[in-house]
Amino acid sequence: MEKQEELKNQLLTVKEVATYLVVTERTVYRLVKDRRFPAFKVGGQWRFKVDLIEAWMRRDRSFEYEEANA
């Protein structure tokens, strides 16, 4: 249970998020730019919390359709 909590609180980079979502880094930046994706900056670099990404995926199902048709 603790490992699961650690993972959910983990901060990911743009590259790690792209791998996690199976999209390009460009797509991640586009989602951040459009303010459709939960992100924040640490030291000038974008960071993402796993639990917020998972909540976003559950909430924004249209993302999967857009990626499939891109």
C-alpha atoms as a PDB file:
ATOM      1  CA  MET A   1       0.000   0.000   0.000  1.00  0.00           C
ATOM      2  CA  GLU A   2       2.839   2.415   0.816  1.00  0.00           C
ATOM      3  CA  LYS A   3       4.472   1.873  -2.582  1.00  0.00           C
ATOM      4  CA  GLN A   4       1.186   2.683  -4.291  1.00  0.00           C
ATOM      5  CA  GLU A   5       0.942   5.921  -2.290  1.00  0.00           C
ATOM      6  CA  GLU A   6       4.556   6.773  -3.145  1.00  0.00           C
ATOM      7  CA  LEU A   7       3.855   6.281  -6.845  1.00  0.00           C
ATOM      8  CA  LYS A   8       0.775   8.492  -6.734  1.00  0.00           C
ATOM      9  CA  ASN A   9       2.782  11.304  -5.113  1.00  0.00           C
ATOM     10  CA  GLN A  10       5.701  10.897  -7.503  1.00  0.00           C
ATOM     11  CA  LEU A  11       6.560  13.823  -9.772  1.00  0.00           C
ATOM     12  CA  LEU A  12       7.102  12.982 -13.432  1.00  0.00           C
ATOM     13  CA  THR A  13       8.916  14.861 -16.191  1.00  0.00           C
ATOM     14  CA  VAL A  14       7.437  15.646 -19.606  1.00  0.00           C
ATOM     15  CA  LYS A  15       9.282  12.668 -21.089  1.00  0.00           C
ATOM     16  CA  GLU A  16       8.018  10.318 -18.370  1.00  0.00           C
ATOM     17  CA  VAL A  17       4.431  11.530 -18.819  1.00  0.00           C
ATOM     18  CA  ALA A  18       4.668  11.033 -22.581  1.00  0.00           C
ATOM     19  CA  THR A  19       5.841   7.459 -22.011  1.00  0.00           C
ATOM     20  CA  TYR A  20       3.154   6.865 -19.370  1.00  0.00           C
ATOM     21  CA  LEU A  21       0.381   8.101 -21.691  1.00  0.00           C
ATOM     22  CA  VAL A  22       1.941   6.631 -24.861  1.00  0.00           C
ATOM     23  CA  VAL A  23       1.945  10.010 -26.619  1.00  0.00           C
ATOM     24  CA  THR A  24       4.650  12.336 -27.869  1.00  0.00           C
ATOM     25  CA  GLU A  25       6.305  14.972 -25.710  1.00  0.00           C
ATOM     26  CA  ARG A  26       4.825  17.527 -28.096  1.00  0.00           C
ATOM     27  CA  THR A  27       1.324  16.312 -27.190  1.00  0.00           C
ATOM     28  CA  VAL A  28       2.090  16.718 -23.484  1.00  0.00           C
ATOM     29  CA  TYR A  29       3.300  20.294 -24.059  1.00  0.00           C
ATOM     30  CA  ARG A  30       0.189  21.037 -26.137  1.00  0.00           C
ATOM     31  CA  LEU A  31      -2.104  19.792 -23.374  1.00  0.00           C
ATOM     32  CA  VAL A  32      -0.263  21.922 -20.819  1.00  0.00           C
ATOM     33  CA  LYS A  33      -0.393  24.967 -23.098  1.00  0.00           C
ATOM     34  CA  ASP A  34      -4.136  24.520 -23.631  1.00  0.00           C
ATOM     35  CA  ARG A  35      -4.546  24.289 -19.827  1.00  0.00           C
ATOM     36  CA  ARG A  36      -6.245  20.916 -20.231  1.00  0.00           C
ATOM     37  CA  PHE A  37      -3.683  19.013 -18.215  1.00  0.00           C
ATOM     38  CA  PRO A  38      -2.683  19.177 -14.512  1.00  0.00           C
ATOM     39  CA  ALA A  39       0.891  20.457 -14.369  1.00  0.00           C
ATOM     40  CA  PHE A  40       3.100  22.864 -12.489  1.00  0.00           C
ATOM     41  CA  LYS A  41       6.634  24.164 -12.775  1.00  0.00           C
ATOM     42  CA  VAL A  42       9.519  23.319 -10.474  1.00  0.00           C
ATOM     43  CA  GLY A  43      12.722  25.210 -11.192  1.00  0.00           C
ATOM     44  CA  GLY A  44      11.376  26.279 -14.581  1.00  0.00           C
ATOM     45  CA  GLN A  45      10.555  22.732 -15.703  1.00  0.00           C
ATOM     46  CA  TRP A  46       7.125  21.139 -15.966  1.00  0.00           C
ATOM     47  CA  ARG A  47       6.268  18.436 -13.443  1.00  0.00           C
ATOM     48  CA  PHE A  48       3.230  16.187 -13.132  1.00  0.00           C
ATOM     49  CA  LYS A  49       1.763  14.177 -10.242  1.00  0.00           C
ATOM     50  CA  VAL A  50       0.689  10.637 -11.124  1.00  0.00           C
ATOM     51  CA  ASP A  51      -2.545  10.844  -9.119  1.00  0.00           C
ATOM     52  CA  LEU A  52      -3.575  14.049 -10.921  1.00  0.00           C
ATOM     53  CA  ILE A  53      -2.796  12.487 -14.305  1.00  0.00           C
ATOM     54  CA  GLU A  54      -4.950   9.469 -13.473  1.00  0.00           C
ATOM     55  CA  ALA A  55      -7.810  11.695 -12.311  1.00  0.00           C
ATOM     56  CA  TRP A  56      -7.500  13.733 -15.509  1.00  0.00           C
ATOM     57  CA  MET A  57      -7.639  10.563 -17.645  1.00  0.00           C
ATOM     58  CA  ARG A  58     -10.808   9.408 -15.899  1.00  0.00           C
ATOM     59  CA  ARG A  59     -12.391  12.831 -16.329  1.00  0.00           C
ATOM     60  CA  ASP A  60     -11.284  13.726 -19.880  1.00  0.00           C
ATOM     61  CA  ARG A  61     -12.149  10.706 -22.019  1.00  0.00           C
ATOM     62  CA  SER A  62     -12.117  12.827 -25.205  1.00  0.00           C
ATOM     63  CA  PHE A  63      -8.297  12.826 -25.033  1.00  0.00           C
ATOM     64  CA  GLU A  64      -8.135   9.176 -26.122  1.00  0.00           C
ATOM     65  CA  TYR A  65     -10.300   9.863 -29.171  1.00  0.00           C
ATOM     66  CA  GLU A  66      -8.224  12.885 -30.227  1.00  0.00           C
ATOM     67  CA  GLU A  67      -4.957  10.944 -29.942  1.00  0.00           C
ATOM     68  CA  ALA A  68      -6.331   8.028 -31.960  1.00  0.00           C
ATOM     69  CA  ASN A  69      -7.327  10.368 -34.781  1.00  0.00           C
ATOM     70  CA  ALA A  70      -4.235  12.619 -34.752  1.00  0.00           C
END
